[in-house]
Amino acid sequence: MVKFDENNNVIVDESFFAIIVGVEKSNDKSGDIEYSVSELKGLVEAAGGETIGIMTQRLERPNTATYIGSGKVGELAEMADNMEADTIIFNNELSGMQIRNLEDITGKKVIDRTILILDIFARRAISKEGKLQVELAQLKYRLPRLTGFGKSLSRLGGGVGTRGPGEKKIELDRRHIERRLQDIRNELNEIDRTRKLQRESRENREIPIVALVGYTNVGKSAIMNHILCKFEKDDKNVVEKDMLFATLDAKHRGIELDKQHKFVLVDTVGFVSRLPHSLVSAFKSTLEEAAFSDLIINVVDYSNKDNEFQQEITKDVLADIGASDIPMITVYNKVDLADNKNSLSHDENIVFTSAKTGENMDLLLETIKKKIFDIPITANFIIPYDKGSVSSEICRVGNVISMEYKDDGVHIAAELKEKDFGRVKNYAII
């Protein structure tokens, strides 16, 4: 539908009406088809669309020409016409030939789950790196599908699934696309080198990194924003929406618990079932923020009945990026929405929170502190006045509790890390 603003300029309406097609293969072990299709509905909504129909089929093996059976294709075409759908979205990955054949039969735009996710990522990418990673994933997906897929974009161009390089690159020959892929890889390598230098700088300053990971829309950004507000850093808040993939680019925020306890909190992109391999590969450098962290906070939506399945997806992705052995706290968020609060267990590696109400958020911060910092040594010191450098050192590296100037010297009560205490222990009161 064409709309106009107050100055009579055309407004592009990118909303669309979709029919979802889900195929359950008899040998598929990747999860429940109902859950996967329900999740796809959420992805459609995140892309600005509305699901108006769902069709499912159980198959021994996909049809090489149309993925679903020929009879079902006819039903799908009739269903799309009757419901006035403009887009058909398959929950399974299609070949370029299958897309072309399905579009020829139905007369509708046909995309698959991977194209939809790539489209959402193309909308949400903000940083230069994020945009490059999306373009890389899109081109890698489309390169083997140039036959057939090009017709899809040229005939039904615009809207969902055509964002990013599709409109600009699909007509170019394979060699040109491959050259662009290499250019993107070179740019990402340069960005990755810069990130490694930044990471080394943080390590040299001994600033720990804490990474928020988990399924998309479990409340990672809400937790980060609650912590930022607690330390009066509201101006550093990140995007927070009740929507799949509201956050795409990793966000780094410095948190200062007190003078001696500082860390970098990282909000990472959320995971999803059947996350396209091209995205995992393209976003590996971003996801590696978790792999290089000192502590992972695995955020789980406690109110979601499928949270055990979501945790499995998260663990699989963490394994893919080599982050399985990093210390982890599991945070069951959104307990304010849960009915089974009586079943909350007690474990030093598990915290039940609500970023919305603030429940147990202080406990989460205390748990983080215990995990990433040495248990401080509290001691009393008497520093002679001619040893002013020692007093300065304690003030610099320690958390000073009290300080008094007496006849025999400066009396200081302070908390210090074990290694710092070792340098001034000769002045401690036994």
Protein backbone atom coordinates (compact mmCIF):
# COMPACT_ATOMS: atom_id res chain seq x y z
CA MET A 1 0.00 0.00 0.00
CA VAL A 2 1.35 3.46 -0.92
CA LYS A 3 1.12 6.07 1.85
CA PHE A 4 2.00 9.76 1.89
CA ASP A 5 3.35 11.99 4.65
CA GLU A 6 2.23 15.55 5.40
CA ASN A 7 4.55 16.88 2.68
CA ASN A 8 3.05 14.48 0.13
CA ASN A 9 6.22 12.36 0.03
CA VAL A 10 5.82 8.64 -0.52
CA ILE A 11 6.18 6.48 2.59
CA VAL A 12 7.36 2.97 1.87
CA ASP A 13 5.15 0.51 3.78
CA GLU A 14 7.32 -2.54 4.44
CA SER A 15 4.68 -4.53 6.29
CA PHE A 16 3.72 -7.83 4.68
CA PHE A 17 1.30 -10.70 5.14
CA ALA A 18 2.89 -14.10 5.29
CA ILE A 19 2.00 -17.75 5.19
CA ILE A 20 4.43 -19.96 7.07
CA VAL A 21 5.29 -23.42 5.76
CA GLY A 22 6.87 -25.89 8.15
CA VAL A 23 8.19 -29.30 7.10
CA GLU A 24 8.97 -31.96 9.67
CA LYS A 25 11.39 -34.55 8.35
CA SER A 26 11.08 -37.98 9.90
CA ASN A 27 14.80 -38.13 10.66
CA ASP A 28 15.06 -34.55 11.94
CA LYS A 29 16.47 -34.37 15.49
CA SER A 30 16.75 -30.57 15.65
CA GLY A 31 13.68 -29.99 17.80
CA ASP A 32 9.92 -29.69 17.98
CA ILE A 33 8.30 -28.46 14.75
CA GLU A 34 5.57 -26.64 16.67
CA TYR A 35 8.14 -24.68 18.68
CA SER A 36 10.20 -23.91 15.58
CA VAL A 37 7.16 -22.66 13.65
CA SER A 38 6.04 -20.59 16.64
CA GLU A 39 9.49 -19.04 16.78
CA LEU A 40 9.29 -18.30 13.05
CA LYS A 41 6.08 -16.35 13.73
CA GLY A 42 8.08 -14.21 16.15
CA LEU A 43 10.71 -13.66 13.48
CA VAL A 44 8.03 -12.56 11.00
CA GLU A 45 6.79 -10.04 13.56
CA ALA A 46 10.34 -8.82 14.17
CA ALA A 47 10.66 -8.25 10.41
CA GLY A 48 7.52 -6.12 10.37
CA GLY A 49 5.16 -8.77 9.01
CA GLU A 50 2.02 -10.57 10.12
CA THR A 51 1.48 -14.32 9.90
CA ILE A 52 -1.98 -14.98 8.48
CA GLY A 53 -1.67 -18.71 7.80
CA ILE A 54 0.36 -21.79 8.65
CA MET A 55 0.83 -24.98 6.63
CA THR A 56 2.81 -28.01 7.83
CA GLN A 57 3.75 -31.32 6.25
CA ARG A 58 5.64 -34.40 7.41
CA LEU A 59 8.02 -35.84 4.81
CA GLU A 60 10.54 -38.63 4.60
CA ARG A 61 12.68 -36.41 2.41
CA PRO A 62 12.16 -32.99 0.76
CA ASN A 63 11.04 -32.72 -2.86
CA THR A 64 14.08 -31.61 -4.87
CA ALA A 65 11.98 -29.31 -7.06
CA THR A 66 9.59 -27.68 -4.59
CA TYR A 67 10.66 -28.97 -1.15
CA ILE A 68 7.06 -29.86 -0.22
CA GLY A 69 4.99 -32.35 -2.22
CA SER A 70 3.37 -31.31 -5.50
CA GLY A 71 -0.12 -31.65 -4.01
CA LYS A 72 0.78 -29.38 -1.12
CA VAL A 73 2.19 -26.78 -3.52
CA GLY A 74 -1.22 -26.55 -5.18
CA GLU A 75 -2.90 -26.18 -1.80
CA LEU A 76 -0.36 -23.53 -0.85
CA ALA A 77 -1.02 -21.50 -4.01
CA GLU A 78 -4.77 -21.62 -3.39
CA MET A 79 -4.32 -20.73 0.29
CA ALA A 80 -2.10 -17.75 -0.57
CA ASP A 81 -4.62 -16.42 -3.09
CA ASN A 82 -7.61 -16.87 -0.80
CA MET A 83 -5.90 -15.22 2.16
CA GLU A 84 -4.32 -12.49 0.00
CA ALA A 85 -0.83 -13.25 1.29
CA ASP A 86 2.06 -11.55 -0.46
CA THR A 87 4.90 -13.64 1.03
CA ILE A 88 5.42 -17.34 1.70
CA ILE A 89 8.09 -18.22 4.25
CA PHE A 90 9.51 -21.71 4.62
CA ASN A 91 10.85 -22.80 7.99
CA ASN A 92 13.46 -24.88 6.15
CA GLU A 93 16.33 -23.71 3.96
CA LEU A 94 15.51 -23.73 0.24
CA SER A 95 17.72 -23.92 -2.83
CA GLY A 96 17.59 -21.20 -5.48
CA MET A 97 15.83 -23.61 -7.85
CA GLN A 98 13.18 -24.47 -5.27
CA ILE A 99 12.51 -20.79 -4.65
CA ARG A 100 12.12 -20.15 -8.38
CA ASN A 101 9.80 -23.12 -8.89
CA LEU A 102 7.62 -22.24 -5.92
CA GLU A 103 7.30 -18.64 -7.06
CA ASP A 104 6.39 -19.74 -10.60
CA ILE A 105 3.58 -21.93 -9.21
CA THR A 106 2.24 -19.65 -6.45
CA GLY A 107 2.89 -16.24 -8.00
CA LYS A 108 4.05 -15.04 -4.59
CA LYS A 109 7.38 -14.04 -3.13
CA VAL A 110 9.00 -17.09 -1.49
CA ILE A 111 11.77 -16.87 1.08
CA ASP A 112 13.10 -19.19 3.76
CA ARG A 113 13.98 -18.86 7.44
CA THR A 114 17.58 -17.94 6.70
CA ILE A 115 16.63 -15.09 4.34
CA LEU A 116 14.20 -13.77 6.95
CA ILE A 117 16.82 -13.76 9.72
CA LEU A 118 19.36 -12.12 7.41
CA ASP A 119 16.76 -9.46 6.57
CA ILE A 120 16.17 -8.74 10.26
CA PHE A 121 19.89 -8.50 10.85
CA ALA A 122 20.22 -6.12 7.89
CA ARG A 123 17.61 -3.85 9.51
CA ARG A 124 19.22 -3.92 12.95
CA ALA A 125 22.93 -3.64 12.10
CA ILE A 126 24.23 -0.26 13.26
CA SER A 127 28.01 -0.48 13.48
CA LYS A 128 30.26 -0.76 10.45
CA GLU A 129 31.29 -4.23 11.58
CA GLY A 130 27.70 -5.38 12.00
CA LYS A 131 26.76 -4.18 8.52
CA LEU A 132 29.79 -5.88 6.98
CA GLN A 133 29.03 -9.14 8.77
CA VAL A 134 25.42 -9.10 7.53
CA GLU A 135 26.53 -8.40 3.97
CA LEU A 136 29.08 -11.21 4.20
CA ALA A 137 26.43 -13.67 5.39
CA GLN A 138 23.96 -12.55 2.71
CA LEU A 139 26.46 -12.89 -0.12
CA LYS A 140 27.69 -16.28 1.11
CA TYR A 141 24.08 -17.45 1.22
CA ARG A 142 23.21 -16.12 -2.23
CA LEU A 143 26.36 -17.06 -4.11
CA PRO A 144 25.41 -20.74 -4.65
CA ARG A 145 21.81 -19.67 -5.39
CA LEU A 146 22.44 -17.23 -8.23
CA THR A 147 20.49 -19.55 -10.54
CA GLY A 148 16.84 -19.07 -9.71
CA PHE A 149 17.27 -16.68 -6.82
CA GLY A 150 18.00 -13.75 -9.11
CA LYS A 151 14.63 -14.15 -10.78
CA SER A 152 12.97 -13.97 -7.40
CA LEU A 153 14.49 -10.60 -6.64
CA SER A 154 14.07 -9.09 -10.09
CA ARG A 155 10.40 -10.08 -10.43
CA LEU A 156 9.24 -9.32 -6.93
CA GLY A 157 11.97 -6.92 -5.81
CA GLY A 158 11.75 -4.87 -2.64
CA GLY A 159 10.53 -5.63 0.85
CA VAL A 160 11.47 -8.45 3.20
CA GLY A 161 14.37 -10.61 2.07
CA THR A 162 15.81 -8.11 -0.41
CA ARG A 163 17.50 -5.73 2.00
CA GLY A 164 21.24 -5.14 1.97
CA PRO A 165 23.39 -6.29 -0.92
CA GLY A 166 20.59 -8.19 -2.69
CA GLU A 167 19.29 -5.26 -4.69
CA LYS A 168 22.78 -4.05 -5.54
CA LYS A 169 24.72 -7.26 -6.11
CA ILE A 170 22.51 -10.06 -7.35
CA GLU A 171 22.83 -9.05 -11.00
CA LEU A 172 26.61 -9.00 -10.81
CA ASP A 173 28.56 -12.00 -11.97
CA ARG A 174 29.96 -14.61 -9.61
CA ARG A 175 33.51 -13.29 -9.89
CA HIS A 176 32.47 -9.80 -8.84
CA ILE A 177 30.58 -11.17 -5.83
CA GLU A 178 33.56 -13.28 -4.80
CA ARG A 179 35.77 -10.20 -5.06
CA ARG A 180 33.37 -8.31 -2.80
CA LEU A 181 33.42 -11.20 -0.32
CA GLN A 182 37.21 -10.96 -0.12
CA ASP A 183 37.04 -7.18 0.37
CA ILE A 184 34.60 -7.66 3.27
CA ARG A 185 36.81 -10.33 4.85
CA ASN A 186 39.80 -7.98 4.65
CA GLU A 187 37.85 -5.15 6.30
CA LEU A 188 36.58 -7.47 9.05
CA ASN A 189 40.11 -8.76 9.66
CA GLU A 190 41.27 -5.18 10.18
CA ILE A 191 38.41 -4.54 12.63
CA ASP A 192 39.25 -7.80 14.38
CA ARG A 193 42.88 -6.69 14.80
CA THR A 194 41.67 -3.46 16.40
CA ARG A 195 39.41 -5.45 18.74
CA LYS A 196 42.31 -7.69 19.78
CA LEU A 197 44.42 -4.62 20.62
CA GLN A 198 41.54 -3.25 22.72
CA ARG A 199 41.18 -6.62 24.42
CA GLU A 200 44.91 -6.76 25.18
CA SER A 201 44.71 -3.26 26.61
CA ARG A 202 41.92 -4.32 28.97
CA GLU A 203 43.89 -7.41 29.97
CA ASN A 204 46.99 -5.31 30.70
CA ARG A 205 44.85 -3.13 32.97
CA GLU A 206 43.45 -6.31 34.52
CA ILE A 207 39.86 -5.33 33.79
CA PRO A 208 37.69 -8.48 33.68
CA ILE A 209 35.11 -9.00 30.94
CA VAL A 210 31.65 -10.30 31.76
CA ALA A 211 29.53 -11.39 28.78
CA LEU A 212 25.74 -11.62 28.77
CA VAL A 213 24.71 -14.47 26.50
CA GLY A 214 21.52 -16.40 25.90
CA TYR A 215 18.55 -16.91 23.68
CA THR A 216 17.10 -13.88 21.95
CA ASN A 217 14.53 -11.90 23.95
CA VAL A 218 15.36 -13.38 27.38
CA GLY A 219 16.18 -9.99 28.92
CA LYS A 220 19.95 -9.58 28.47
CA SER A 221 19.63 -5.92 27.52
CA ALA A 222 17.15 -5.31 30.35
CA ILE A 223 19.67 -6.71 32.84
CA MET A 224 22.43 -4.51 31.42
CA ASN A 225 20.22 -1.42 31.58
CA HIS A 226 19.19 -2.15 35.18
CA ILE A 227 22.86 -2.38 36.18
CA LEU A 228 23.69 0.81 34.28
CA CYS A 229 20.85 2.66 36.01
CA LYS A 230 22.02 1.42 39.41
CA PHE A 231 25.38 3.05 38.80
CA GLU A 232 23.82 6.20 37.33
CA LYS A 233 24.79 5.48 33.76
CA ASP A 234 21.32 5.80 32.24
CA ASP A 235 22.80 7.68 29.30
CA LYS A 236 24.64 4.47 28.32
CA ASN A 237 21.49 2.33 28.11
CA VAL A 238 21.17 -0.10 25.22
CA VAL A 239 18.14 -0.84 23.04
CA GLU A 240 15.61 -2.88 24.98
CA LYS A 241 12.48 -4.26 23.27
CA ASP A 242 10.20 -7.25 23.72
CA MET A 243 11.21 -8.52 20.29
CA LEU A 244 13.50 -11.12 18.76
CA PHE A 245 16.95 -9.75 17.87
CA ALA A 246 16.38 -6.27 19.34
CA THR A 247 20.14 -6.19 19.94
CA LEU A 248 22.55 -7.12 17.16
CA ASP A 249 25.88 -5.38 17.72
CA ALA A 250 27.78 -6.27 20.88
CA LYS A 251 27.63 -3.43 23.43
CA HIS A 252 30.45 -2.79 25.93
CA ARG A 253 29.83 -0.84 29.13
CA GLY A 254 32.23 -0.17 31.97
CA ILE A 255 30.86 -1.00 35.43
CA GLU A 256 32.53 0.29 38.61
CA LEU A 257 31.25 -1.57 41.66
CA ASP A 258 33.67 0.42 43.81
CA LYS A 259 37.14 1.88 43.46
CA GLN A 260 38.86 -1.52 43.27
CA HIS A 261 36.25 -3.57 41.45
CA LYS A 262 35.67 -2.64 37.83
CA PHE A 263 34.66 -4.80 34.90
CA VAL A 264 33.41 -4.52 31.32
CA LEU A 265 29.87 -5.82 30.77
CA VAL A 266 29.15 -7.00 27.22
CA ASP A 267 25.65 -7.47 25.78
CA THR A 268 25.86 -9.93 22.88
CA VAL A 269 23.53 -10.90 20.04
CA GLY A 270 20.84 -13.38 21.07
CA PHE A 271 20.75 -16.96 19.82
CA VAL A 272 17.90 -18.73 18.09
CA SER A 273 17.20 -22.29 17.00
CA ARG A 274 18.40 -23.18 13.50
CA LEU A 275 20.61 -20.09 13.47
CA PRO A 276 22.03 -20.05 9.93
CA HIS A 277 25.57 -21.39 9.81
CA SER A 278 26.56 -18.44 7.64
CA LEU A 279 25.55 -16.10 10.47
CA VAL A 280 27.42 -18.05 13.14
CA SER A 281 30.47 -17.93 10.89
CA ALA A 282 30.12 -14.27 9.89
CA PHE A 283 29.47 -13.11 13.44
CA LYS A 284 32.16 -15.27 14.97
CA SER A 285 34.36 -12.30 15.83
CA THR A 286 31.46 -10.64 17.65
CA LEU A 287 30.43 -13.84 19.38
CA GLU A 288 34.03 -14.34 20.45
CA GLU A 289 33.45 -11.55 22.96
CA ALA A 290 31.97 -14.38 25.00
CA ALA A 291 34.85 -16.72 24.19
CA PHE A 292 37.39 -14.17 25.50
CA SER A 293 35.41 -13.19 28.57
CA ASP A 294 36.36 -13.99 32.16
CA LEU A 295 32.78 -14.85 33.09
CA ILE A 296 29.68 -15.75 31.10
CA ILE A 297 26.23 -14.85 32.36
CA ASN A 298 23.84 -17.26 30.66
CA VAL A 299 20.47 -15.50 30.80
CA VAL A 300 17.38 -17.71 30.65
CA ASP A 301 13.71 -16.69 30.46
CA TYR A 302 12.37 -18.46 33.54
CA SER A 303 8.76 -17.84 32.47
CA ASN A 304 9.22 -19.58 29.11
CA LYS A 305 8.10 -23.22 29.16
CA ASP A 306 10.68 -24.02 26.47
CA ASN A 307 13.66 -22.56 28.34
CA GLU A 308 15.42 -25.94 28.64
CA PHE A 309 15.45 -26.25 24.85
CA GLN A 310 16.69 -22.66 24.56
CA GLN A 311 19.53 -23.41 26.98
CA GLU A 312 20.59 -26.31 24.78
CA ILE A 313 20.77 -23.98 21.76
CA THR A 314 22.88 -21.53 23.76
CA LYS A 315 25.25 -24.27 24.89
CA ASP A 316 25.62 -25.49 21.30
CA VAL A 317 26.56 -22.01 20.04
CA LEU A 318 28.99 -21.48 22.92
CA ALA A 319 30.61 -24.80 22.04
CA ASP A 320 30.88 -23.69 18.38
CA ILE A 321 32.87 -20.59 19.38
CA GLY A 322 35.03 -22.40 21.95
CA ALA A 323 33.48 -20.84 25.06
CA SER A 324 32.29 -23.99 26.84
CA ASP A 325 34.99 -23.98 29.54
CA ILE A 326 34.59 -20.37 30.70
CA PRO A 327 33.13 -19.94 34.22
CA MET A 328 29.39 -19.35 34.02
CA ILE A 329 26.53 -18.01 36.10
CA THR A 330 23.06 -19.06 34.99
CA VAL A 331 20.56 -16.25 35.51
CA TYR A 332 16.90 -17.20 35.39
CA ASN A 333 15.32 -13.88 34.49
CA LYS A 334 11.66 -12.76 34.42
CA VAL A 335 10.74 -14.58 37.66
CA ASP A 336 8.04 -11.92 38.10
CA LEU A 337 6.17 -13.60 35.23
CA ALA A 338 6.64 -17.17 36.48
CA ASP A 339 4.08 -19.22 38.41
CA ASN A 340 6.44 -21.84 39.86
CA LYS A 341 8.48 -19.66 42.22
CA ASN A 342 8.32 -22.32 44.92
CA SER A 343 10.65 -24.48 42.86
CA LEU A 344 13.52 -21.97 42.92
CA SER A 345 16.69 -23.84 43.81
CA HIS A 346 19.71 -22.55 45.70
CA ASP A 347 23.06 -22.80 43.98
CA GLU A 348 26.05 -20.46 44.02
CA ASN A 349 26.13 -20.56 40.20
CA ILE A 350 22.40 -19.83 39.75
CA VAL A 351 20.58 -16.55 40.38
CA PHE A 352 16.85 -15.93 39.92
CA THR A 353 16.18 -12.34 38.90
CA SER A 354 13.71 -9.90 37.46
CA ALA A 355 15.33 -7.03 35.60
CA LYS A 356 11.89 -5.42 35.47
CA THR A 357 11.27 -5.32 39.23
CA GLY A 358 14.91 -5.43 40.36
CA GLU A 359 14.43 -8.67 42.29
CA ASN A 360 17.81 -10.21 43.23
CA MET A 361 19.76 -7.87 40.97
CA ASP A 362 22.01 -6.92 43.91
CA LEU A 363 22.58 -10.64 44.50
CA LEU A 364 23.60 -11.00 40.85
CA LEU A 365 26.15 -8.21 41.19
CA GLU A 366 27.52 -9.76 44.37
CA THR A 367 27.79 -13.13 42.63
CA ILE A 368 29.65 -11.54 39.72
CA LYS A 369 32.01 -9.85 42.17
CA LYS A 370 32.80 -13.13 43.91
CA LYS A 371 33.42 -14.91 40.61
CA ILE A 372 35.76 -12.45 38.93
CA PHE A 373 37.64 -10.82 41.77
CA ASP A 374 39.95 -12.21 44.40
CA ILE A 375 38.40 -12.30 47.85
CA PRO A 376 39.91 -9.15 49.41
CA ILE A 377 42.01 -9.16 52.54
CA THR A 378 40.88 -6.66 55.13
CA ALA A 379 43.75 -5.39 57.26
CA ASN A 380 44.86 -2.53 59.50
CA PHE A 381 48.15 -0.77 58.79
CA ILE A 382 50.40 1.71 60.59
CA ILE A 383 52.54 3.56 58.06
CA PRO A 384 55.44 5.72 59.34
CA TYR A 385 55.35 9.29 58.09
CA ASP A 386 58.63 8.80 56.24
CA LYS A 387 56.99 6.00 54.21
CA GLY A 388 54.49 8.15 52.40
CA SER A 389 54.88 6.07 49.24
CA VAL A 390 53.43 3.07 51.09
CA SER A 391 50.39 5.06 52.18
CA SER A 392 49.95 6.26 48.60
CA GLU A 393 50.22 2.69 47.29
CA ILE A 394 47.53 1.41 49.68
CA CYS A 395 45.26 4.29 48.67
CA ARG A 396 45.92 3.61 45.00
CA VAL A 397 45.33 -0.15 44.91
CA GLY A 398 43.11 -0.69 47.96
CA ASN A 399 39.61 0.13 49.05
CA VAL A 400 40.30 2.41 52.04
CA ILE A 401 37.81 1.98 54.86
CA SER A 402 39.29 4.53 57.26
CA MET A 403 42.40 6.67 57.66
CA GLU A 404 43.66 8.49 60.77
CA TYR A 405 46.81 10.50 61.41
CA LYS A 406 48.31 9.64 64.82
CA ASP A 407 51.60 10.20 66.60
CA ASP A 408 53.14 6.91 65.41
CA GLY A 409 52.07 7.28 61.80
CA VAL A 410 49.08 6.96 59.46
CA HIS A 411 46.58 4.34 60.61
CA ILE A 412 44.77 2.83 57.62
CA ALA A 413 42.06 0.17 57.44
CA ALA A 414 41.72 -1.13 53.90
CA GLU A 415 40.69 -4.02 51.64
CA LEU A 416 43.35 -5.23 49.22
CA LYS A 417 43.77 -8.01 46.72
CA GLU A 418 46.05 -10.76 47.93
CA LYS A 419 48.85 -9.82 45.53
CA ASP A 420 48.66 -6.14 46.57
CA PHE A 421 48.61 -7.05 50.26
CA GLY A 422 51.83 -8.98 49.76
CA ARG A 423 53.68 -5.76 48.88
CA VAL A 424 52.64 -3.88 52.05
CA LYS A 425 52.11 -6.66 54.57
CA ASN A 426 55.17 -5.60 56.58
CA TYR A 427 53.16 -2.60 57.74
CA ALA A 428 50.08 -4.60 58.74
CA ILE A 429 49.15 -4.83 62.41
CA ILE A 430 49.42 -8.46 63.56
